[in-house]
Amino acid sequence: MLSIVHNGMVTNYEDIKQFLNSKGFMQESETDTELIVLLTRYFKELESLSTEEALKKAFGMLEGSNAIVMIDAENPQKMHCVKSAGPLHIGILKEGKGYIVASEVAVFQNFTRSYIDVKEN
C-alpha cells in the first residue's frame, strides 16, 4: 500500500488517466493525487520497479507544479520526496527521532534542529 501527500496540480491529468484506464487501472475518485498513486503502482507492479524507481518514472510523466511525499507500507521507514517547483523541506526533529515535511520553513522553528531543501526532480 502506498501513502501519499501531494501539493500541486497535474495539468496533464486527462492524458495520464486515459493511459491508466487503457492498462486496467481505474480511479475511484477524480483527484490528481489518486492518479499519482495509481501511476506509481502501475510502474511498481507491471514493470517490477522499486517504489523509488516507480515514483521517479511516474513523476517524470507529470506536468504542472507538484510536490510529493510517499511512503510504502512494505518499507515504512523510507520516505520518498520529489518536487517540480515550489518549496519542499524536510526538517530533522530536535530529538533526532523523526522528520517533518513542509513547504514553509517557519513550521520547523520550534521542532527541528535543521532542515534540508528538496531539490527539483
PDB file of N, CA and C in Angstrom:
ATOM      1  N   MET A   1       0.836  -1.170   0.000  1.00  0.00           N
ATOM      2  CA  MET A   1       0.000   0.000   0.000  1.00  0.00           C
ATOM      3  C   MET A   1       0.891   1.247   0.000  1.00  0.00           C
ATOM      4  N   LEU A   2       0.527   2.206  -0.825  1.00  0.00           N
ATOM      5  CA  LEU A   2       1.255   3.459  -0.911  1.00  0.00           C
ATOM      6  C   LEU A   2       0.456   4.557  -0.230  1.00  0.00           C
ATOM      7  N   SER A   3       1.128   5.350   0.598  1.00  0.00           N
ATOM      8  CA  SER A   3       0.519   6.525   1.219  1.00  0.00           C
ATOM      9  C   SER A   3       1.180   7.755   0.623  1.00  0.00           C
ATOM     10  N   ILE A   4       0.378   8.786   0.366  1.00  0.00           N
ATOM     11  CA  ILE A   4       0.899   9.952  -0.346  1.00  0.00           C
ATOM     12  C   ILE A   4       0.368  11.247   0.250  1.00  0.00           C
ATOM     13  N   VAL A   5       1.212  12.257   0.206  1.00  0.00           N
ATOM     14  CA  VAL A   5       0.814  13.650   0.429  1.00  0.00           C
ATOM     15  C   VAL A   5       1.226  14.374  -0.841  1.00  0.00           C
ATOM     16  N   HIS A   6       0.294  15.111  -1.414  1.00  0.00           N
ATOM     17  CA  HIS A   6       0.541  15.781  -2.688  1.00  0.00           C
ATOM     18  C   HIS A   6       0.091  17.224  -2.592  1.00  0.00           C
ATOM     19  N   ASN A   7       0.958  18.119  -3.034  1.00  0.00           N
ATOM     20  CA  ASN A   7       0.614  19.533  -3.122  1.00  0.00           C
ATOM     21  C   ASN A   7       0.911  19.948  -4.556  1.00  0.00           C
ATOM     22  N   GLY A   8      -0.108  20.392  -5.263  1.00  0.00           N
ATOM     23  CA  GLY A   8       0.114  20.827  -6.625  1.00  0.00           C
ATOM     24  C   GLY A   8      -1.051  20.477  -7.522  1.00  0.00           C
ATOM     25  N   MET A   9      -0.767  20.510  -8.829  1.00  0.00           N
ATOM     26  CA  MET A   9      -1.790  20.211  -9.817  1.00  0.00           C
ATOM     27  C   MET A   9      -1.149  19.523 -11.009  1.00  0.00           C
ATOM     28  N   VAL A  10      -1.680  18.361 -11.354  1.00  0.00           N
ATOM     29  CA  VAL A  10      -1.219  17.628 -12.529  1.00  0.00           C
ATOM     30  C   VAL A  10      -1.999  18.178 -13.720  1.00  0.00           C
ATOM     31  N   THR A  11      -1.330  18.922 -14.574  1.00  0.00           N
ATOM     32  CA  THR A  11      -2.026  19.587 -15.680  1.00  0.00           C
ATOM     33  C   THR A  11      -2.331  18.647 -16.845  1.00  0.00           C
ATOM     34  N   ASN A  12      -1.646  17.519 -16.918  1.00  0.00           N
ATOM     35  CA  ASN A  12      -1.946  16.528 -17.964  1.00  0.00           C
ATOM     36  C   ASN A  12      -2.733  15.344 -17.371  1.00  0.00           C
ATOM     37  N   TYR A  13      -3.568  15.640 -16.424  1.00  0.00           N
ATOM     38  CA  TYR A  13      -4.400  14.667 -15.717  1.00  0.00           C
ATOM     39  C   TYR A  13      -5.163  13.752 -16.671  1.00  0.00           C
ATOM     40  N   GLU A  14      -5.859  14.324 -17.656  1.00  0.00           N
ATOM     41  CA  GLU A  14      -6.691  13.521 -18.569  1.00  0.00           C
ATOM     42  C   GLU A  14      -5.856  12.537 -19.384  1.00  0.00           C
ATOM     43  N   ASP A  15      -4.686  12.960 -19.844  1.00  0.00           N
ATOM     44  CA  ASP A  15      -3.815  12.070 -20.620  1.00  0.00           C
ATOM     45  C   ASP A  15      -3.361  10.879 -19.782  1.00  0.00           C
ATOM     46  N   ILE A  16      -2.951  11.155 -18.543  1.00  0.00           N
ATOM     47  CA  ILE A  16      -2.491  10.073 -17.664  1.00  0.00           C
ATOM     48  C   ILE A  16      -3.661   9.175 -17.269  1.00  0.00           C
ATOM     49  N   LYS A  17      -4.810   9.755 -17.030  1.00  0.00           N
ATOM     50  CA  LYS A  17      -5.992   8.967 -16.692  1.00  0.00           C
ATOM     51  C   LYS A  17      -6.324   7.998 -17.834  1.00  0.00           C
ATOM     52  N   GLN A  18      -6.304   8.482 -19.075  1.00  0.00           N
ATOM     53  CA  GLN A  18      -6.578   7.624 -20.234  1.00  0.00           C
ATOM     54  C   GLN A  18      -5.537   6.511 -20.357  1.00  0.00           C
ATOM     55  N   PHE A  19      -4.264   6.851 -20.136  1.00  0.00           N
ATOM     56  CA  PHE A  19      -3.201   5.851 -20.177  1.00  0.00           C
ATOM     57  C   PHE A  19      -3.461   4.745 -19.159  1.00  0.00           C
ATOM     58  N   LEU A  20      -3.760   5.140 -17.920  1.00  0.00           N
ATOM     59  CA  LEU A  20      -4.001   4.160 -16.858  1.00  0.00           C
ATOM     60  C   LEU A  20      -5.254   3.328 -17.126  1.00  0.00           C
ATOM     61  N   ASN A  21      -6.303   3.971 -17.595  1.00  0.00           N
ATOM     62  CA  ASN A  21      -7.537   3.237 -17.915  1.00  0.00           C
ATOM     63  C   ASN A  21      -7.279   2.177 -18.984  1.00  0.00           C
ATOM     64  N   SER A  22      -6.457   2.516 -19.963  1.00  0.00           N
ATOM     65  CA  SER A  22      -6.153   1.556 -21.036  1.00  0.00           C
ATOM     66  C   SER A  22      -5.351   0.363 -20.514  1.00  0.00           C
ATOM     67  N   LYS A  23      -4.717   0.526 -19.349  1.00  0.00           N
ATOM     68  CA  LYS A  23      -3.936  -0.551 -18.738  1.00  0.00           C
ATOM     69  C   LYS A  23      -4.723  -1.269 -17.642  1.00  0.00           C
ATOM     70  N   GLY A  24      -6.006  -0.869 -17.456  1.00  0.00           N
ATOM     71  CA  GLY A  24      -6.850  -1.518 -16.451  1.00  0.00           C
ATOM     72  C   GLY A  24      -6.757  -0.931 -15.066  1.00  0.00           C
ATOM     73  N   PHE A  25      -6.133   0.214 -14.922  1.00  0.00           N
ATOM     74  CA  PHE A  25      -6.027   0.898 -13.635  1.00  0.00           C
ATOM     75  C   PHE A  25      -7.071   2.014 -13.591  1.00  0.00           C
ATOM     76  N   MET A  26      -8.136   1.782 -12.843  1.00  0.00           N
ATOM     77  CA  MET A  26      -9.261   2.722 -12.785  1.00  0.00           C
ATOM     78  C   MET A  26      -9.249   3.497 -11.471  1.00  0.00           C
ATOM     79  N   GLN A  27      -9.556   4.771 -11.562  1.00  0.00           N
ATOM     80  CA  GLN A  27      -9.649   5.621 -10.384  1.00  0.00           C
ATOM     81  C   GLN A  27     -10.997   5.453  -9.702  1.00  0.00           C
ATOM     82  N   GLU A  28     -10.999   5.614  -8.381  1.00  0.00           N
ATOM     83  CA  GLU A  28     -12.243   5.640  -7.616  1.00  0.00           C
ATOM     84  C   GLU A  28     -12.734   7.068  -7.443  1.00  0.00           C
ATOM     85  N   SER A  29     -11.821   8.033  -7.533  1.00  0.00           N
ATOM     86  CA  SER A  29     -12.166   9.446  -7.383  1.00  0.00           C
ATOM     87  C   SER A  29     -11.712  10.193  -8.632  1.00  0.00           C
ATOM     88  N   GLU A  30     -11.813  11.491  -8.595  1.00  0.00           N
ATOM     89  CA  GLU A  30     -11.361  12.322  -9.718  1.00  0.00           C
ATOM     90  C   GLU A  30     -10.196  13.221  -9.300  1.00  0.00           C
ATOM     91  N   THR A  31      -9.374  12.754  -8.351  1.00  0.00           N
ATOM     92  CA  THR A  31      -8.283  13.596  -7.865  1.00  0.00           C
ATOM     93  C   THR A  31      -6.972  13.247  -8.559  1.00  0.00           C
ATOM     94  N   ASP A  32      -6.149  14.268  -8.741  1.00  0.00           N
ATOM     95  CA  ASP A  32      -4.837  14.013  -9.327  1.00  0.00           C
ATOM     96  C   ASP A  32      -3.923  13.295  -8.330  1.00  0.00           C
ATOM     97  N   THR A  33      -4.210  13.416  -7.046  1.00  0.00           N
ATOM     98  CA  THR A  33      -3.420  12.708  -6.030  1.00  0.00           C
ATOM     99  C   THR A  33      -3.584  11.194  -6.192  1.00  0.00           C
ATOM    100  N   GLU A  34      -4.818  10.738  -6.342  1.00  0.00           N
ATOM    101  CA  GLU A  34      -5.052   9.315  -6.562  1.00  0.00           C
ATOM    102  C   GLU A  34      -4.393   8.858  -7.860  1.00  0.00           C
ATOM    103  N   LEU A  35      -4.420   9.694  -8.864  1.00  0.00           N
ATOM    104  CA  LEU A  35      -3.812   9.369 -10.150  1.00  0.00           C
ATOM    105  C   LEU A  35      -2.317   9.107  -9.993  1.00  0.00           C
ATOM    106  N   ILE A  36      -1.642   9.893  -9.164  1.00  0.00           N
ATOM    107  CA  ILE A  36      -0.204   9.717  -8.923  1.00  0.00           C
ATOM    108  C   ILE A  36       0.062   8.370  -8.258  1.00  0.00           C
ATOM    109  N   VAL A  37      -0.772   8.004  -7.297  1.00  0.00           N
ATOM    110  CA  VAL A  37      -0.624   6.705  -6.628  1.00  0.00           C
ATOM    111  C   VAL A  37      -0.819   5.568  -7.632  1.00  0.00           C
ATOM    112  N   LEU A  38      -1.857   5.657  -8.448  1.00  0.00           N
ATOM    113  CA  LEU A  38      -2.116   4.617  -9.448  1.00  0.00           C
ATOM    114  C   LEU A  38      -0.977   4.494 -10.452  1.00  0.00           C
ATOM    115  N   LEU A  39      -0.457   5.633 -10.905  1.00  0.00           N
ATOM    116  CA  LEU A  39       0.634   5.617 -11.873  1.00  0.00           C
ATOM    117  C   LEU A  39       1.886   4.995 -11.256  1.00  0.00           C
ATOM    118  N   THR A  40       2.173   5.343 -10.020  1.00  0.00           N
ATOM    119  CA  THR A  40       3.320   4.752  -9.317  1.00  0.00           C
ATOM    120  C   THR A  40       3.110   3.254  -9.137  1.00  0.00           C
ATOM    121  N   ARG A  41       1.902   2.859  -8.730  1.00  0.00           N
ATOM    122  CA  ARG A  41       1.574   1.441  -8.566  1.00  0.00           C
ATOM    123  C   ARG A  41       1.700   0.682  -9.893  1.00  0.00           C
ATOM    124  N   TYR A  42       1.275   1.310 -10.969  1.00  0.00           N
ATOM    125  CA  TYR A  42       1.404   0.693 -12.302  1.00  0.00           C
ATOM    126  C   TYR A  42       2.859   0.328 -12.582  1.00  0.00           C
ATOM    127  N   PHE A  43       3.767   1.296 -12.408  1.00  0.00           N
ATOM    128  CA  PHE A  43       5.178   1.038 -12.688  1.00  0.00           C
ATOM    129  C   PHE A  43       5.774   0.037 -11.694  1.00  0.00           C
ATOM    130  N   LYS A  44       5.341   0.108 -10.465  1.00  0.00           N
ATOM    131  CA  LYS A  44       5.837  -0.801  -9.431  1.00  0.00           C
ATOM    132  C   LYS A  44       5.415  -2.237  -9.733  1.00  0.00           C
ATOM    133  N   GLU A  45       4.168  -2.435 -10.081  1.00  0.00           N
ATOM    134  CA  GLU A  45       3.636  -3.783 -10.283  1.00  0.00           C
ATOM    135  C   GLU A  45       3.941  -4.347 -11.663  1.00  0.00           C
ATOM    136  N   LEU A  46       3.667  -3.586 -12.712  1.00  0.00           N
ATOM    137  CA  LEU A  46       3.793  -4.142 -14.052  1.00  0.00           C
ATOM    138  C   LEU A  46       5.213  -4.096 -14.610  1.00  0.00           C
ATOM    139  N   GLU A  47       6.030  -3.199 -14.091  1.00  0.00           N
ATOM    140  CA  GLU A  47       7.417  -3.143 -14.557  1.00  0.00           C
ATOM    141  C   GLU A  47       8.391  -3.611 -13.482  1.00  0.00           C
ATOM    142  N   SER A  48       7.839  -4.097 -12.378  1.00  0.00           N
ATOM    143  CA  SER A  48       8.641  -4.635 -11.258  1.00  0.00           C
ATOM    144  C   SER A  48       9.711  -3.652 -10.768  1.00  0.00           C
ATOM    145  N   LEU A  49       9.338  -2.387 -10.675  1.00  0.00           N
ATOM    146  CA  LEU A  49      10.270  -1.369 -10.193  1.00  0.00           C
ATOM    147  C   LEU A  49      10.123  -1.208  -8.678  1.00  0.00           C
ATOM    148  N   SER A  50      11.186  -0.733  -8.047  1.00  0.00           N
ATOM    149  CA  SER A  50      11.104  -0.382  -6.627  1.00  0.00           C
ATOM    150  C   SER A  50      10.181   0.833  -6.489  1.00  0.00           C
ATOM    151  N   THR A  51       9.754   1.115  -5.299  1.00  0.00           N
ATOM    152  CA  THR A  51       8.908   2.286  -5.071  1.00  0.00           C
ATOM    153  C   THR A  51       9.622   3.548  -5.528  1.00  0.00           C
ATOM    154  N   GLU A  52      10.888   3.676  -5.197  1.00  0.00           N
ATOM    155  CA  GLU A  52      11.665   4.856  -5.585  1.00  0.00           C
ATOM    156  C   GLU A  52      11.731   5.000  -7.101  1.00  0.00           C
ATOM    157  N   GLU A  53      12.050   3.912  -7.783  1.00  0.00           N
ATOM    158  CA  GLU A  53      12.141   3.953  -9.250  1.00  0.00           C
ATOM    159  C   GLU A  53      10.775   4.218  -9.885  1.00  0.00           C
ATOM    160  N   ALA A  54       9.738   3.598  -9.336  1.00  0.00           N
ATOM    161  CA  ALA A  54       8.384   3.781  -9.873  1.00  0.00           C
ATOM    162  C   ALA A  54       7.907   5.214  -9.690  1.00  0.00           C
ATOM    163  N   LEU A  55       8.184   5.800  -8.526  1.00  0.00           N
ATOM    164  CA  LEU A  55       7.791   7.190  -8.288  1.00  0.00           C
ATOM    165  C   LEU A  55       8.554   8.125  -9.215  1.00  0.00           C
ATOM    166  N   LYS A  56       9.834   7.890  -9.402  1.00  0.00           N
ATOM    167  CA  LYS A  56      10.617   8.726 -10.324  1.00  0.00           C
ATOM    168  C   LYS A  56      10.053   8.661 -11.742  1.00  0.00           C
ATOM    169  N   LYS A  57       9.719   7.455 -12.182  1.00  0.00           N
ATOM    170  CA  LYS A  57       9.182   7.293 -13.529  1.00  0.00           C
ATOM    171  C   LYS A  57       7.812   7.956 -13.645  1.00  0.00           C
ATOM    172  N   ALA A  58       6.960   7.760 -12.643  1.00  0.00           N
ATOM    173  CA  ALA A  58       5.639   8.395 -12.639  1.00  0.00           C
ATOM    174  C   ALA A  58       5.779   9.913 -12.608  1.00  0.00           C
ATOM    175  N   PHE A  59       6.661  10.414 -11.758  1.00  0.00           N
ATOM    176  CA  PHE A  59       6.852  11.858 -11.637  1.00  0.00           C
ATOM    177  C   PHE A  59       7.337  12.461 -12.947  1.00  0.00           C
ATOM    178  N   GLY A  60       8.132  11.713 -13.681  1.00  0.00           N
ATOM    179  CA  GLY A  60       8.623  12.172 -14.978  1.00  0.00           C
ATOM    180  C   GLY A  60       7.516  12.353 -16.001  1.00  0.00           C
ATOM    181  N   MET A  61       6.392  11.701 -15.792  1.00  0.00           N
ATOM    182  CA  MET A  61       5.253  11.837 -16.707  1.00  0.00           C
ATOM    183  C   MET A  61       4.341  13.006 -16.341  1.00  0.00           C
ATOM    184  N   LEU A  62       4.463  13.500 -15.113  1.00  0.00           N
ATOM    185  CA  LEU A  62       3.562  14.555 -14.647  1.00  0.00           C
ATOM    186  C   LEU A  62       3.956  15.918 -15.207  1.00  0.00           C
ATOM    187  N   GLU A  63       2.954  16.676 -15.598  1.00  0.00           N
ATOM    188  CA  GLU A  63       3.159  18.073 -15.983  1.00  0.00           C
ATOM    189  C   GLU A  63       2.473  18.932 -14.939  1.00  0.00           C
ATOM    190  N   GLY A  64       3.026  20.117 -14.719  1.00  0.00           N
ATOM    191  CA  GLY A  64       2.480  21.023 -13.720  1.00  0.00           C
ATOM    192  C   GLY A  64       3.457  21.180 -12.570  1.00  0.00           C
ATOM    193  N   SER A  65       3.021  21.877 -11.561  1.00  0.00           N
ATOM    194  CA  SER A  65       3.825  22.110 -10.365  1.00  0.00           C
ATOM    195  C   SER A  65       3.365  21.153  -9.275  1.00  0.00           C
ATOM    196  N   ASN A  66       4.254  20.254  -8.842  1.00  0.00           N
ATOM    197  CA  ASN A  66       3.871  19.212  -7.898  1.00  0.00           C
ATOM    198  C   ASN A  66       4.971  18.945  -6.880  1.00  0.00           C
ATOM    199  N   ALA A  67       4.553  18.695  -5.650  1.00  0.00           N
ATOM    200  CA  ALA A  67       5.440  18.230  -4.584  1.00  0.00           C
ATOM    201  C   ALA A  67       4.774  16.998  -3.976  1.00  0.00           C
ATOM    202  N   ILE A  68       5.551  15.938  -3.813  1.00  0.00           N
ATOM    203  CA  ILE A  68       5.002  14.658  -3.367  1.00  0.00           C
ATOM    204  C   ILE A  68       5.876  14.066  -2.270  1.00  0.00           C
ATOM    205  N   VAL A  69       5.213  13.529  -1.261  1.00  0.00           N
ATOM    206  CA  VAL A  69       5.857  12.709  -0.240  1.00  0.00           C
ATOM    207  C   VAL A  69       5.116  11.378  -0.262  1.00  0.00           C
ATOM    208  N   MET A  70       5.863  10.278  -0.392  1.00  0.00           N
ATOM    209  CA  MET A  70       5.231   8.959  -0.482  1.00  0.00           C
ATOM    210  C   MET A  70       5.938   7.990   0.450  1.00  0.00           C
ATOM    211  N   ILE A  71       5.138   7.144   1.093  1.00  0.00           N
ATOM    212  CA  ILE A  71       5.654   6.066   1.933  1.00  0.00           C
ATOM    213  C   ILE A  71       4.979   4.772   1.488  1.00  0.00           C
ATOM    214  N   ASP A  72       5.769   3.723   1.389  1.00  0.00           N
ATOM    215  CA  ASP A  72       5.278   2.405   1.003  1.00  0.00           C
ATOM    216  C   ASP A  72       5.183   1.551   2.271  1.00  0.00           C
ATOM    217  N   ALA A  73       4.064   0.901   2.491  1.00  0.00           N
ATOM    218  CA  ALA A  73       3.868   0.055   3.670  1.00  0.00           C
ATOM    219  C   ALA A  73       4.895  -1.082   3.733  1.00  0.00           C
ATOM    220  N   GLU A  74       5.464  -1.455   2.591  1.00  0.00           N
ATOM    221  CA  GLU A  74       6.494  -2.501   2.563  1.00  0.00           C
ATOM    222  C   GLU A  74       7.785  -2.050   3.238  1.00  0.00           C
ATOM    223  N   ASN A  75       8.023  -0.737   3.288  1.00  0.00           N
ATOM    224  CA  ASN A  75       9.218  -0.179   3.916  1.00  0.00           C
ATOM    225  C   ASN A  75       8.860   1.183   4.505  1.00  0.00           C
ATOM    226  N   PRO A  76       8.093   1.201   5.600  1.00  0.00           N
ATOM    227  CA  PRO A  76       7.581   2.467   6.127  1.00  0.00           C
ATOM    228  C   PRO A  76       8.638   3.393   6.736  1.00  0.00           C
ATOM    229  N   GLN A  77       9.854   2.905   6.906  1.00  0.00           N
ATOM    230  CA  GLN A  77      10.919   3.774   7.429  1.00  0.00           C
ATOM    231  C   GLN A  77      11.521   4.664   6.352  1.00  0.00           C
ATOM    232  N   LYS A  78      11.189   4.393   5.099  1.00  0.00           N
ATOM    233  CA  LYS A  78      11.758   5.168   3.994  1.00  0.00           C
ATOM    234  C   LYS A  78      10.701   6.102   3.419  1.00  0.00           C
ATOM    235  N   MET A  79      11.034   7.377   3.364  1.00  0.00           N
ATOM    236  CA  MET A  79      10.137   8.398   2.841  1.00  0.00           C
ATOM    237  C   MET A  79      10.696   8.886   1.506  1.00  0.00           C
ATOM    238  N   HIS A  80       9.838   8.927   0.494  1.00  0.00           N
ATOM    239  CA  HIS A  80      10.246   9.376  -0.833  1.00  0.00           C
ATOM    240  C   HIS A  80       9.681  10.779  -1.056  1.00  0.00           C
ATOM    241  N   CYS A  81      10.540  11.733  -1.366  1.00  0.00           N
ATOM    242  CA  CYS A  81      10.127  13.118  -1.592  1.00  0.00           C
ATOM    243  C   CYS A  81      10.619  13.575  -2.958  1.00  0.00           C
ATOM    244  N   VAL A  82       9.724  14.226  -3.699  1.00  0.00           N
ATOM    245  CA  VAL A  82      10.090  14.745  -5.017  1.00  0.00           C
ATOM    246  C   VAL A  82       9.244  15.979  -5.301  1.00  0.00           C
ATOM    247  N   LYS A  83       9.809  16.921  -6.031  1.00  0.00           N
ATOM    248  CA  LYS A  83       9.065  18.130  -6.386  1.00  0.00           C
ATOM    249  C   LYS A  83       9.505  18.639  -7.741  1.00  0.00           C
ATOM    250  N   SER A  84       8.611  19.411  -8.375  1.00  0.00           N
ATOM    251  CA  SER A  84       8.955  20.001  -9.660  1.00  0.00           C
ATOM    252  C   SER A  84       9.091  21.510  -9.569  1.00  0.00           C
ATOM    253  N   ALA A  85       8.453  22.114  -8.609  1.00  0.00           N
ATOM    254  CA  ALA A  85       8.550  23.569  -8.426  1.00  0.00           C
ATOM    255  C   ALA A  85       8.033  23.904  -7.036  1.00  0.00           C
ATOM    256  N   GLY A  86       8.398  25.057  -6.565  1.00  0.00           N
ATOM    257  CA  GLY A  86       7.948  25.464  -5.235  1.00  0.00           C
ATOM    258  C   GLY A  86       8.791  24.824  -4.149  1.00  0.00           C
ATOM    259  N   PRO A  87       8.633  25.287  -2.933  1.00  0.00           N
ATOM    260  CA  PRO A  87       9.459  24.783  -1.837  1.00  0.00           C
ATOM    261  C   PRO A  87       8.966  23.443  -1.279  1.00  0.00           C
ATOM    262  N   LEU A  88       9.919  22.631  -0.856  1.00  0.00           N
ATOM    263  CA  LEU A  88       9.647  21.407  -0.106  1.00  0.00           C
ATOM    264  C   LEU A  88      10.875  21.164   0.761  1.00  0.00           C
ATOM    265  N   HIS A  89      10.649  21.053   2.065  1.00  0.00           N
ATOM    266  CA  HIS A  89      11.744  20.931   3.026  1.00  0.00           C
ATOM    267  C   HIS A  89      11.485  19.747   3.945  1.00  0.00           C
ATOM    268  N   ILE A  90      12.574  19.123   4.404  1.00  0.00           N
ATOM    269  CA  ILE A  90      12.494  18.048   5.383  1.00  0.00           C
ATOM    270  C   ILE A  90      13.219  18.524   6.628  1.00  0.00           C
ATOM    271  N   GLY A  91      12.486  18.638   7.721  1.00  0.00           N
ATOM    272  CA  GLY A  91      13.070  19.044   8.996  1.00  0.00           C
ATOM    273  C   GLY A  91      13.417  17.829   9.835  1.00  0.00           C
ATOM    274  N   ILE A  92      14.576  17.854  10.466  1.00  0.00           N
ATOM    275  CA  ILE A  92      15.013  16.768  11.340  1.00  0.00           C
ATOM    276  C   ILE A  92      14.673  17.165  12.772  1.00  0.00           C
ATOM    277  N   LEU A  93      13.835  16.371  13.437  1.00  0.00           N
ATOM    278  CA  LEU A  93      13.386  16.699  14.783  1.00  0.00           C
ATOM    279  C   LEU A  93      14.562  16.841  15.737  1.00  0.00           C
ATOM    280  N   LYS A  94      14.416  17.735  16.720  1.00  0.00           N
ATOM    281  CA  LYS A  94      15.483  18.018  17.672  1.00  0.00           C
ATOM    282  C   LYS A  94      15.969  16.764  18.377  1.00  0.00           C
ATOM    283  N   GLU A  95      15.057  15.869  18.713  1.00  0.00           N
ATOM    284  CA  GLU A  95      15.445  14.633  19.398  1.00  0.00           C
ATOM    285  C   GLU A  95      16.050  13.619  18.434  1.00  0.00           C
ATOM    286  N   GLY A  96      15.995  13.913  17.136  1.00  0.00           N
ATOM    287  CA  GLY A  96      16.518  13.003  16.130  1.00  0.00           C
ATOM    288  C   GLY A  96      15.656  11.772  15.924  1.00  0.00           C
ATOM    289  N   LYS A  97      14.397  11.839  16.352  1.00  0.00           N
ATOM    290  CA  LYS A  97      13.516  10.670  16.298  1.00  0.00           C
ATOM    291  C   LYS A  97      12.470  10.761  15.204  1.00  0.00           C
ATOM    292  N   GLY A  98      12.692  11.585  14.214  1.00  0.00           N
ATOM    293  CA  GLY A  98      11.721  11.678  13.141  1.00  0.00           C
ATOM    294  C   GLY A  98      11.935  12.910  12.295  1.00  0.00           C
ATOM    295  N   TYR A  99      10.977  13.134  11.417  1.00  0.00           N
ATOM    296  CA  TYR A  99      11.077  14.212  10.442  1.00  0.00           C
ATOM    297  C   TYR A  99       9.738  14.919  10.307  1.00  0.00           C
ATOM    298  N   ILE A 100       9.808  16.148   9.844  1.00  0.00           N
ATOM    299  CA  ILE A 100       8.629  16.925   9.469  1.00  0.00           C
ATOM    300  C   ILE A 100       8.870  17.382   8.030  1.00  0.00           C
ATOM    301  N   VAL A 101       7.880  17.221   7.187  1.00  0.00           N
ATOM    302  CA  VAL A 101       7.985  17.688   5.805  1.00  0.00           C
ATOM    303  C   VAL A 101       7.001  18.832   5.642  1.00  0.00           C
ATOM    304  N   ALA A 102       7.469  19.938   5.068  1.00  0.00           N
ATOM    305  CA  ALA A 102       6.612  21.115   4.910  1.00  0.00           C
ATOM    306  C   ALA A 102       7.101  21.970   3.756  1.00  0.00           C
ATOM    307  N   SER A 103       6.217  22.855   3.313  1.00  0.00           N
ATOM    308  CA  SER A 103       6.594  23.781   2.247  1.00  0.00           C
ATOM    309  C   SER A 103       7.075  25.117   2.806  1.00  0.00           C
ATOM    310  N   GLU A 104       6.897  25.334   4.094  1.00  0.00           N
ATOM    311  CA  GLU A 104       7.322  26.581   4.744  1.00  0.00           C
ATOM    312  C   GLU A 104       8.314  26.270   5.858  1.00  0.00           C
ATOM    313  N   VAL A 105       9.464  26.920   5.867  1.00  0.00           N
ATOM    314  CA  VAL A 105      10.472  26.657   6.903  1.00  0.00           C
ATOM    315  C   VAL A 105      10.028  27.133   8.279  1.00  0.00           C
ATOM    316  N   ALA A 106       9.092  28.054   8.353  1.00  0.00           N
ATOM    317  CA  ALA A 106       8.602  28.536   9.649  1.00  0.00           C
ATOM    318  C   ALA A 106       8.025  27.395  10.490  1.00  0.00           C
ATOM    319  N   VAL A 107       7.533  26.367   9.856  1.00  0.00           N
ATOM    320  CA  VAL A 107       6.979  25.207  10.554  1.00  0.00           C
ATOM    321  C   VAL A 107       8.028  24.554  11.443  1.00  0.00           C
ATOM    322  N   PHE A 108       9.279  24.615  11.053  1.00  0.00           N
ATOM    323  CA  PHE A 108      10.349  23.902  11.746  1.00  0.00           C
ATOM    324  C   PHE A 108      10.870  24.627  12.985  1.00  0.00           C
ATOM    325  N   GLN A 109      10.575  25.869  13.140  1.00  0.00           N
ATOM    326  CA  GLN A 109      11.197  26.748  14.126  1.00  0.00           C
ATOM    327  C   GLN A 109      11.326  26.141  15.523  1.00  0.00           C
ATOM    328  N   ASN A 110      10.273  25.588  16.071  1.00  0.00           N
ATOM    329  CA  ASN A 110      10.313  25.089  17.448  1.00  0.00           C
ATOM    330  C   ASN A 110      10.530  23.586  17.556  1.00  0.00           C
ATOM    331  N   PHE A 111      10.626  22.903  16.436  1.00  0.00           N
ATOM    332  CA  PHE A 111      10.634  21.442  16.486  1.00  0.00           C
ATOM    333  C   PHE A 111      11.886  20.781  15.933  1.00  0.00           C
ATOM    334  N   THR A 112      12.606  21.480  15.081  1.00  0.00           N
ATOM    335  CA  THR A 112      13.724  20.826  14.401  1.00  0.00           C
ATOM    336  C   THR A 112      15.053  21.486  14.728  1.00  0.00           C
ATOM    337  N   ARG A 113      16.102  20.724  14.534  1.00  0.00           N
ATOM    338  CA  ARG A 113      17.441  21.282  14.726  1.00  0.00           C
ATOM    339  C   ARG A 113      18.023  21.771  13.414  1.00  0.00           C
ATOM    340  N   SER A 114      17.508  21.225  12.293  1.00  0.00           N
ATOM    341  CA  SER A 114      17.934  21.657  10.963  1.00  0.00           C
ATOM    342  C   SER A 114      16.929  21.151   9.940  1.00  0.00           C
ATOM    343  N   TYR A 115      17.095  21.617   8.713  1.00  0.00           N
ATOM    344  CA  TYR A 115      16.222  21.136   7.644  1.00  0.00           C
ATOM    345  C   TYR A 115      16.997  21.046   6.335  1.00  0.00           C
ATOM    346  N   ILE A 116      16.435  20.267   5.425  1.00  0.00           N
ATOM    347  CA  ILE A 116      17.031  20.033   4.118  1.00  0.00           C
ATOM    348  C   ILE A 116      16.072  20.539   3.062  1.00  0.00           C
ATOM    349  N   ASP A 117      16.576  21.262   2.081  1.00  0.00           N
ATOM    350  CA  ASP A 117      15.763  21.670   0.943  1.00  0.00           C
ATOM    351  C   ASP A 117      15.759  20.524  -0.071  1.00  0.00           C
ATOM    352  N   VAL A 118      14.572  20.097  -0.477  1.00  0.00           N
ATOM    353  CA  VAL A 118      14.464  19.072  -1.516  1.00  0.00           C
ATOM    354  C   VAL A 118      14.693  19.748  -2.858  1.00  0.00           C
ATOM    355  N   LYS A 119      15.601  19.197  -3.631  1.00  0.00           N
ATOM    356  CA  LYS A 119      15.886  19.760  -4.952  1.00  0.00           C
ATOM    357  C   LYS A 119      14.870  19.248  -5.962  1.00  0.00           C
ATOM    358  N   GLU A 120      14.715  19.975  -7.050  1.00  0.00           N
ATOM    359  CA  GLU A 120      13.753  19.583  -8.076  1.00  0.00           C
ATOM    360  C   GLU A 120      14.146  18.262  -8.718  1.00  0.00           C
ATOM    361  N   ASN A 121      13.095  17.471  -9.015  1.00  0.00           N
ATOM    362  CA  ASN A 121      13.229  16.146  -9.644  1.00  0.00           C
ATOM    363  C   ASN A 121      14.124  15.221  -8.838  1.00  0.00           C
TER     364      ASN A 121
END
